């Protein structure tokens, strides 16, 4: 797609590197807040005396509220300086995480997750809108690759530390740890990041509601929303029950979980930037497709395991996350090329909302499909593997349509440059 037509510039400026770094670290805190629930499942279910289905709703509560919030905020996303939007929602996210760390019971935790989702769910769309504004498609794969390091970093540093706190000080302390990390990031954004308001110079007569409706119903954008909807299925179905499967079915002790997450994260940490460079050179869609096909193979094998050693599980998890990381880099880079400059904030908002809502539904459905046996093991986990594999196949087909559309759009932008192209 881009190898011959698009040439990446060799280096980034100092400020561009700062923006990439701060967005990556911001994403690290937001992603960690979601991902920490997966390993904490082995602690929360017995401590709060809840069922897997109830735990599925704890995960879904965040996603569903994030989706509703994302849609509500989307119409206003292109009406304000993106830095101010970033600060506002990051402040709410930090407060919500604090409430999670202070929650005394299941229902309070459920409410705290809803509050956190209202703010945290919008962060991803704002960050991607900033990336799309500041970095052209030629280098966007590399930028997305670095930002995706947030996922890996949460595996290497955040989740093992969260598990350590949970093991020694209780599950509440894991959320309080995230708050401690998030506070300095907010102050750095406040004092160091420049205003991001070039999109405000593009005149638009639409009010926020009309802008939202026009963006959400534009036929060209609907393809991107459909692909985004299916991208979330795998993570929201498999990950929330990952530690329960490891502990109950494969008999991996909870004290060994940090080893799995750390090594898996290290593998993904290197995979993100590498996938970004390969995507910019050989094509975003090519990277996405190859990673998806390989990922399907690993998912089907992993979810049908009945016994495995710690070494085998760690190796499988590391390989799977390498493919997942490459898949996300290719997909997010392609999808970022869909919206026009004046619609980016709204498009990313709706896209994020669609992802969160579909992910929330997927998590709730997964909670209904699986069940916990009297010995603590999960039943029907293999069925989730088949469902996830099926959605990955469909997504490959949808992303091809988007790939062809972005090729035409980038070529048009080169002949008639506009904001961020």
Protein backbone atom coordinates (compact mmCIF):
# COMPACT_ATOMS: atom_id res chain seq x y z
CA UNK A 1 0.00 0.00 0.00
CA UNK A 2 2.54 2.58 1.15
CA UNK A 3 5.98 1.26 0.27
CA UNK A 4 6.43 3.10 -2.99
CA UNK A 5 3.84 5.85 -2.78
CA UNK A 6 4.58 6.98 0.76
CA UNK A 7 8.07 7.57 2.13
CA UNK A 8 8.54 7.96 5.88
CA UNK A 9 10.71 10.80 7.09
CA UNK A 10 13.81 9.47 8.88
CA UNK A 11 13.41 11.19 12.25
CA UNK A 12 10.93 12.93 14.53
CA UNK A 13 11.49 16.32 16.14
CA UNK A 14 12.11 16.56 19.88
CA UNK A 15 8.58 17.78 20.54
CA UNK A 16 7.08 15.04 18.35
CA UNK A 17 8.98 12.48 20.42
CA UNK A 18 7.62 14.08 23.58
CA UNK A 19 4.03 13.85 22.27
CA UNK A 20 4.51 10.20 21.33
CA UNK A 21 6.00 9.45 24.76
CA UNK A 22 3.32 11.24 26.77
CA UNK A 23 0.46 9.69 24.76
CA UNK A 24 2.06 6.27 25.21
CA UNK A 25 2.35 6.77 28.96
CA UNK A 26 -1.20 8.11 29.16
CA UNK A 27 -2.45 5.08 27.26
CA UNK A 28 -0.45 2.91 29.65
CA UNK A 29 -2.46 4.13 32.63
CA UNK A 30 -5.82 3.85 30.85
CA UNK A 31 -5.09 0.41 29.43
CA UNK A 32 -3.71 -0.82 32.74
CA UNK A 33 -6.95 0.22 34.44
CA UNK A 34 -8.83 -2.13 32.10
CA UNK A 35 -6.26 -4.91 31.86
CA UNK A 36 -5.73 -5.15 35.62
CA UNK A 37 -9.25 -6.55 35.94
CA UNK A 38 -8.26 -9.72 34.08
CA UNK A 39 -5.59 -10.90 36.56
CA UNK A 40 -7.62 -9.53 39.47
CA UNK A 41 -10.48 -11.86 38.50
CA UNK A 42 -8.88 -14.65 40.50
CA UNK A 43 -8.97 -12.33 43.55
CA UNK A 44 -12.29 -10.54 43.07
CA UNK A 45 -14.52 -13.57 42.45
CA UNK A 46 -13.76 -15.27 45.79
CA UNK A 47 -13.26 -12.05 47.82
CA UNK A 48 -16.54 -10.46 46.72
CA UNK A 49 -18.31 -13.84 46.53
CA UNK A 50 -19.52 -13.24 42.98
CA UNK A 51 -20.07 -15.47 39.94
CA UNK A 52 -18.16 -15.32 36.63
CA UNK A 53 -21.27 -13.73 35.11
CA UNK A 54 -21.21 -10.94 37.72
CA UNK A 55 -17.50 -10.44 37.10
CA UNK A 56 -18.25 -10.19 33.39
CA UNK A 57 -20.59 -7.31 34.21
CA UNK A 58 -17.81 -5.53 36.15
CA UNK A 59 -15.79 -5.57 32.93
CA UNK A 60 -18.81 -4.71 30.78
CA UNK A 61 -19.88 -1.80 33.01
CA UNK A 62 -16.74 0.13 32.09
CA UNK A 63 -17.05 -0.66 28.40
CA UNK A 64 -20.75 0.14 28.08
CA UNK A 65 -20.52 3.44 29.97
CA UNK A 66 -17.44 4.31 27.91
CA UNK A 67 -19.38 3.66 24.74
CA UNK A 68 -22.30 5.86 25.74
CA UNK A 69 -19.92 8.61 26.86
CA UNK A 70 -17.93 8.34 23.65
CA UNK A 71 -21.01 8.87 21.51
CA UNK A 72 -22.16 11.79 23.68
CA UNK A 73 -18.76 13.49 23.52
CA UNK A 74 -18.16 12.79 19.82
CA UNK A 75 -20.24 15.70 18.56
CA UNK A 76 -18.15 18.14 20.61
CA UNK A 77 -14.77 16.51 19.90
CA UNK A 78 -13.93 18.79 16.97
CA UNK A 79 -15.20 21.96 18.70
CA UNK A 80 -12.43 22.28 21.33
CA UNK A 81 -8.68 22.26 21.71
CA UNK A 82 -7.77 18.58 21.94
CA UNK A 83 -5.36 19.26 24.81
CA UNK A 84 -8.23 20.64 26.94
CA UNK A 85 -10.39 17.65 26.07
CA UNK A 86 -7.54 15.35 27.03
CA UNK A 87 -7.07 17.00 30.44
CA UNK A 88 -10.77 17.06 31.27
CA UNK A 89 -11.39 13.38 30.62
CA UNK A 90 -8.08 12.25 32.11
CA UNK A 91 -8.98 14.00 35.37
CA UNK A 92 -12.32 12.17 35.49
CA UNK A 93 -10.62 8.88 34.69
CA UNK A 94 -8.15 9.32 37.56
CA UNK A 95 -10.97 10.09 40.01
CA UNK A 96 -12.92 7.04 38.83
CA UNK A 97 -9.93 4.78 39.36
CA UNK A 98 -9.57 6.21 42.87
CA UNK A 99 -13.21 5.31 43.56
CA UNK A 100 -12.48 1.74 42.40
CA UNK A 101 -9.60 1.59 44.88
CA UNK A 102 -11.95 2.64 47.69
CA UNK A 103 -14.93 0.43 46.75
CA UNK A 104 -16.02 -1.77 49.71
CA UNK A 105 -18.28 -4.22 47.85
CA UNK A 106 -19.44 -5.52 44.46
CA UNK A 107 -22.16 -2.95 43.78
CA UNK A 108 -19.93 -0.01 44.72
CA UNK A 109 -17.17 -1.37 42.50
CA UNK A 110 -19.69 -1.76 39.66
CA UNK A 111 -20.71 1.89 40.08
CA UNK A 112 -17.08 3.01 40.20
CA UNK A 113 -16.34 1.14 36.97
CA UNK A 114 -19.27 2.91 35.29
CA UNK A 115 -17.92 6.30 36.42
CA UNK A 116 -14.40 5.44 35.27
CA UNK A 117 -15.69 4.29 31.90
CA UNK A 118 -17.51 7.57 31.30
CA UNK A 119 -14.16 9.37 31.26
CA UNK A 120 -11.60 6.69 30.44
CA UNK A 121 -13.44 5.43 27.40
CA UNK A 122 -13.02 8.76 25.60
CA UNK A 123 -9.25 8.94 26.15
CA UNK A 124 -8.39 6.53 23.37
CA UNK A 125 -10.33 8.50 20.74
CA UNK A 126 -8.75 11.81 21.79
CA UNK A 127 -5.25 10.33 21.68
CA UNK A 128 -5.81 8.87 18.21
CA UNK A 129 -7.28 12.15 16.96
CA UNK A 130 -4.13 13.93 18.18
CA UNK A 131 -1.92 11.39 16.42
CA UNK A 132 -3.88 11.75 13.21
CA UNK A 133 -3.68 15.56 13.42
CA UNK A 134 0.06 15.72 14.07
CA UNK A 135 1.49 12.81 12.07
CA UNK A 136 0.98 12.01 8.36
CA UNK A 137 0.10 8.50 7.16
CA UNK A 138 3.70 7.96 5.98
CA UNK A 139 4.93 7.67 9.58
CA UNK A 140 1.72 6.86 11.40
CA UNK A 141 2.49 3.15 11.57
CA UNK A 142 5.64 3.91 13.56
CA UNK A 143 3.75 6.25 15.87
CA UNK A 144 0.98 3.70 16.44
CA UNK A 145 3.64 1.07 17.04
CA UNK A 146 5.17 3.12 19.83
CA UNK A 147 1.79 3.99 21.35
CA UNK A 148 0.87 0.31 21.34
CA UNK A 149 3.85 -0.20 23.63
CA UNK A 150 1.40 0.96 26.30
CA UNK A 151 -0.25 -2.45 26.12
CA UNK A 152 3.07 -4.23 26.49
CA UNK A 153 4.26 -1.89 29.23
CA UNK A 154 1.15 -2.61 31.26
CA UNK A 155 2.07 -6.28 30.94
CA UNK A 156 5.75 -5.85 31.86
CA UNK A 157 5.51 -3.24 34.59
CA UNK A 158 1.90 -2.57 35.53
CA UNK A 159 0.19 -5.94 35.79
CA UNK A 160 2.98 -7.75 37.69
CA UNK A 161 3.15 -4.81 40.09
CA UNK A 162 -0.63 -4.80 40.39
CA UNK A 163 -0.60 -8.52 41.16
CA UNK A 164 2.14 -7.98 43.71
CA UNK A 165 0.05 -5.35 45.47
CA UNK A 166 -3.07 -7.55 45.27
CA UNK A 167 -1.21 -10.53 46.72
CA UNK A 168 0.31 -8.54 49.59
CA UNK A 169 -2.08 -5.64 50.27
CA UNK A 170 -5.42 -6.65 48.75
CA UNK A 171 -7.06 -5.94 45.39
CA UNK A 172 -7.92 -2.31 46.29
CA UNK A 173 -4.23 -1.38 46.30
CA UNK A 174 -3.87 -2.26 42.60
CA UNK A 175 -6.24 0.57 41.61
CA UNK A 176 -4.59 2.99 44.03
CA UNK A 177 -1.26 2.19 42.36
CA UNK A 178 -2.70 3.31 39.01
CA UNK A 179 -3.86 6.61 40.54
CA UNK A 180 -0.35 7.23 41.85
CA UNK A 181 1.08 6.74 38.35
CA UNK A 182 -1.66 8.75 36.59
CA UNK A 183 -1.38 11.99 38.60
CA UNK A 184 2.09 13.08 37.32
CA UNK A 185 1.03 12.39 33.72
CA UNK A 186 -1.83 14.86 34.05
CA UNK A 187 0.46 17.63 35.30
CA UNK A 188 2.96 17.03 32.49
CA UNK A 189 0.19 17.36 29.91
CA UNK A 190 -1.05 20.54 31.59
CA UNK A 191 2.31 22.31 31.63
CA UNK A 192 4.26 20.82 28.71
CA UNK A 193 1.87 19.95 25.89
CA UNK A 194 1.08 22.67 23.36
CA UNK A 195 -2.51 23.46 22.28
CA UNK A 196 -3.79 21.20 19.51
CA UNK A 197 -6.33 23.35 17.72
CA UNK A 198 -5.45 23.41 14.02
CA UNK A 199 -8.71 21.56 13.30
CA UNK A 200 -10.63 24.56 14.68
CA UNK A 201 -9.48 26.63 11.69
CA UNK A 202 -11.61 24.48 9.39
CA UNK A 203 -14.95 26.23 9.32
CA UNK A 204 -18.02 24.15 10.14
CA UNK A 205 -21.58 25.41 10.45
CA UNK A 206 -22.84 22.22 12.07
CA UNK A 207 -23.87 22.17 15.70
CA UNK A 208 -22.50 19.27 17.82
CA UNK A 209 -25.60 17.10 17.39
CA UNK A 210 -25.71 17.58 13.63
CA UNK A 211 -21.96 16.97 13.44
CA UNK A 212 -22.33 13.72 15.37
CA UNK A 213 -25.23 12.48 13.24
CA UNK A 214 -23.48 13.37 9.98
CA UNK A 215 -20.31 11.57 11.07
CA UNK A 216 -22.07 8.50 12.47
CA UNK A 217 -24.20 8.00 9.35
CA UNK A 218 -21.73 8.74 6.56
CA UNK A 219 -21.55 5.54 4.43
CA UNK A 220 -17.77 5.72 4.06
CA UNK A 221 -17.32 5.84 7.83
CA UNK A 222 -19.73 2.98 8.54
CA UNK A 223 -17.21 0.51 7.15
CA UNK A 224 -14.62 1.66 9.63
CA UNK A 225 -17.09 1.42 12.51
CA UNK A 226 -17.99 -2.15 11.52
CA UNK A 227 -14.34 -3.22 11.54
CA UNK A 228 -13.71 -1.48 14.84
CA UNK A 229 -16.69 -3.26 16.39
CA UNK A 230 -15.22 -6.68 15.67
CA UNK A 231 -11.66 -5.75 16.66
CA UNK A 232 -12.68 -5.57 20.32
CA UNK A 233 -14.25 -9.01 20.50
CA UNK A 234 -11.14 -11.06 21.22
CA UNK A 235 -9.78 -9.06 24.12
CA UNK A 236 -13.11 -8.57 25.84
CA UNK A 237 -14.08 -12.23 25.51
CA UNK A 238 -10.86 -14.02 26.40
CA UNK A 239 -8.90 -11.72 28.68
CA UNK A 240 -11.38 -11.17 31.54
CA UNK A 241 -11.40 -14.91 32.20
CA UNK A 242 -7.73 -15.52 31.38
CA UNK A 243 -6.47 -15.89 34.94
CA UNK A 244 -9.48 -18.00 35.97
CA UNK A 245 -8.71 -20.35 33.04
CA UNK A 246 -5.01 -20.47 33.91
CA UNK A 247 -5.65 -21.05 37.59
CA UNK A 248 -8.72 -23.28 37.47
CA UNK A 249 -8.16 -25.31 34.28
CA UNK A 250 -4.39 -25.36 33.77
CA UNK A 251 -3.55 -25.26 37.50
CA UNK A 252 -1.16 -22.31 37.22
CA UNK A 253 -0.69 -20.83 40.68
CA UNK A 254 -1.63 -17.16 41.07
CA UNK A 255 1.90 -16.44 42.33
CA UNK A 256 3.22 -17.53 38.91
CA UNK A 257 0.95 -15.18 36.96
CA UNK A 258 3.38 -12.23 37.12
CA UNK A 259 5.98 -14.37 35.32
CA UNK A 260 3.58 -15.03 32.45
CA UNK A 261 2.50 -11.39 32.14
CA UNK A 262 6.05 -10.04 32.39
CA UNK A 263 7.55 -12.24 29.68
CA UNK A 264 4.48 -11.79 27.48
CA UNK A 265 4.75 -8.02 27.88
CA UNK A 266 8.46 -7.97 27.04
CA UNK A 267 7.73 -9.80 23.77
CA UNK A 268 4.93 -7.35 22.91
CA UNK A 269 7.11 -4.40 23.94
CA UNK A 270 9.48 -5.13 21.08
CA UNK A 271 6.68 -6.17 18.71
CA UNK A 272 4.94 -2.76 18.67
CA UNK A 273 7.70 -0.55 17.21
CA UNK A 274 8.85 -3.35 14.92
CA UNK A 275 5.34 -3.90 13.57
CA UNK A 276 5.00 -0.15 13.03
CA UNK A 277 8.17 0.03 10.96
CA UNK A 278 7.20 -3.02 8.90
CA UNK A 279 3.69 -1.59 8.37
CA UNK A 280 5.08 1.73 7.10
CA UNK A 281 7.43 -0.08 4.73
CA UNK A 282 5.42 -3.03 3.44
CA UNK A 283 1.80 -2.11 4.13
CA UNK A 284 -0.60 -1.76 7.04
CA UNK A 285 -3.12 -4.24 5.70
CA UNK A 286 -0.47 -6.85 4.95
CA UNK A 287 0.79 -6.71 8.54
CA UNK A 288 -2.77 -6.88 9.89
CA UNK A 289 -3.73 -9.88 7.77
CA UNK A 290 -0.65 -12.00 8.48
CA UNK A 291 -0.83 -11.26 12.22
CA UNK A 292 -4.56 -12.09 12.28
CA UNK A 293 -4.15 -15.45 10.56
CA UNK A 294 -1.32 -16.47 12.86
CA UNK A 295 -3.27 -15.19 15.85
CA UNK A 296 -6.29 -17.32 14.94
CA UNK A 297 -4.11 -20.44 15.01
CA UNK A 298 -2.74 -19.66 18.46
CA UNK A 299 -6.16 -18.72 19.91
CA UNK A 300 -7.72 -22.01 18.79
CA UNK A 301 -4.82 -24.00 20.23
CA UNK A 302 -4.67 -22.11 23.52
CA UNK A 303 -8.37 -22.19 24.36
CA UNK A 304 -8.51 -25.97 23.94
CA UNK A 305 -5.59 -26.76 26.23
CA UNK A 306 -6.39 -29.14 29.06
CA UNK A 307 -2.97 -29.26 30.68
CA UNK A 308 0.22 -27.27 30.21
CA UNK A 309 3.42 -26.33 31.98
CA UNK A 310 4.25 -22.80 33.06
CA UNK A 311 6.92 -22.66 30.35
CA UNK A 312 4.50 -23.66 27.58
CA UNK A 313 1.80 -21.24 28.73
CA UNK A 314 4.31 -18.39 28.91
CA UNK A 315 5.59 -19.13 25.41
CA UNK A 316 2.07 -19.36 23.94
CA UNK A 317 1.02 -16.10 25.64
CA UNK A 318 4.12 -14.28 24.38
CA UNK A 319 3.61 -15.42 20.79
CA UNK A 320 -0.09 -14.58 20.89
CA UNK A 321 0.53 -11.06 22.15
CA UNK A 322 3.14 -10.44 19.46
CA UNK A 323 0.49 -11.23 16.84
CA UNK A 324 -2.17 -9.21 18.67
CA UNK A 325 0.14 -6.20 18.87
CA UNK A 326 1.02 -6.35 15.17
CA UNK A 327 -2.67 -6.76 14.34
CA UNK A 328 -3.67 -3.70 16.36
CA UNK A 329 -0.89 -1.56 14.86
CA UNK A 330 -1.97 -2.39 11.32
CA UNK A 331 -5.68 -1.93 12.04
CA UNK A 332 -5.52 1.32 14.01
CA UNK A 333 -3.19 2.92 11.48
CA UNK A 334 -5.50 2.04 8.60
CA UNK A 335 -8.63 3.15 10.44
CA UNK A 336 -7.00 6.48 11.34
CA UNK A 337 -6.85 7.26 7.62
CA UNK A 338 -10.61 6.99 7.12
CA UNK A 339 -11.99 10.33 8.46
CA UNK A 340 -11.58 13.76 6.88
CA UNK A 341 -9.69 16.36 8.93
CA UNK A 342 -12.82 18.19 10.09
CA UNK A 343 -14.41 14.93 11.29
CA UNK A 344 -11.50 13.27 13.06
CA UNK A 345 -12.49 13.96 16.64
CA UNK A 346 -16.10 12.91 16.08
CA UNK A 347 -15.11 9.86 14.04
CA UNK A 348 -12.60 8.68 16.65
CA UNK A 349 -15.19 9.28 19.36
CA UNK A 350 -17.86 7.23 17.63
CA UNK A 351 -15.30 4.57 16.70
CA UNK A 352 -14.12 4.30 20.30
CA UNK A 353 -17.72 4.16 21.51
CA UNK A 354 -18.57 1.40 19.07
CA UNK A 355 -15.50 -0.52 20.18
CA UNK A 356 -16.33 -0.13 23.87
CA UNK A 357 -20.00 -1.03 23.50
CA UNK A 358 -19.29 -4.07 21.34
CA UNK A 359 -16.54 -5.08 23.74
CA UNK A 360 -18.89 -4.72 26.69
CA UNK A 361 -21.49 -6.86 24.97
CA UNK A 362 -18.79 -9.41 24.08
CA UNK A 363 -17.63 -9.58 27.71
CA UNK A 364 -21.19 -10.04 28.97
CA UNK A 365 -21.84 -12.74 26.35
CA UNK A 366 -18.61 -14.46 27.33
CA UNK A 367 -19.75 -14.42 30.96
CA UNK A 368 -22.91 -16.24 29.90
CA UNK A 369 -21.10 -18.78 27.69
CA UNK A 370 -18.52 -19.87 30.27
CA UNK A 371 -19.40 -21.32 33.64
CA UNK A 372 -17.38 -22.25 36.69
CA UNK A 373 -17.38 -25.85 37.84
CA UNK A 374 -17.30 -26.90 41.46
CA UNK A 375 -13.54 -27.51 41.23
CA UNK A 376 -12.95 -23.91 40.12
CA UNK A 377 -12.30 -24.65 36.44
CA UNK A 378 -14.09 -22.93 33.56
CA UNK A 379 -16.37 -24.73 31.17
CA UNK A 380 -16.95 -23.77 27.49
CA UNK A 381 -13.74 -21.68 27.25
CA UNK A 382 -12.95 -23.40 23.93
CA UNK A 383 -16.24 -22.08 22.52
CA UNK A 384 -14.96 -18.54 23.11
CA UNK A 385 -11.93 -19.43 21.00
CA UNK A 386 -14.14 -20.40 18.05
CA UNK A 387 -16.19 -17.21 18.37
CA UNK A 388 -13.08 -15.02 18.49
CA UNK A 389 -11.52 -16.82 15.50
CA UNK A 390 -14.70 -16.30 13.49
CA UNK A 391 -14.78 -12.57 14.16
CA UNK A 392 -11.09 -12.27 13.21
CA UNK A 393 -11.79 -13.83 9.81
CA UNK A 394 -14.66 -11.42 9.15
CA UNK A 395 -12.49 -8.48 10.23
CA UNK A 396 -9.82 -9.40 7.67
CA UNK A 397 -12.42 -9.00 4.92
CA UNK A 398 -13.73 -5.70 6.32
CA UNK A 399 -10.21 -4.28 6.68
CA UNK A 400 -9.51 -5.00 3.01
CA UNK A 401 -12.35 -2.67 2.03
CA UNK A 402 -10.92 0.02 4.33
CA UNK A 403 -7.43 -0.59 2.95
CA UNK A 404 -8.58 0.11 -0.62
CA UNK A 405 -10.48 3.21 0.50
CA UNK A 406 -7.47 4.65 2.36
CA UNK A 407 -5.19 4.04 -0.64
CA UNK A 408 -7.40 6.31 -2.73
CA UNK A 409 -7.73 8.87 0.07
CA UNK A 410 -3.97 9.12 0.70
CA UNK A 411 -3.28 9.48 -3.01
CA UNK A 412 -5.83 12.29 -3.17
CA UNK A 413 -4.28 13.99 -0.13
CA UNK A 414 -0.83 13.90 -1.74
CA UNK A 415 -2.11 15.77 -4.76
CA UNK A 416 -4.12 18.19 -2.58
CA UNK A 417 -2.53 18.41 0.89
CA UNK A 418 -4.71 19.15 3.93
CA UNK A 419 -4.45 18.98 7.69
CA UNK A 420 -2.46 16.01 8.89
CA UNK A 421 -2.25 14.28 5.51
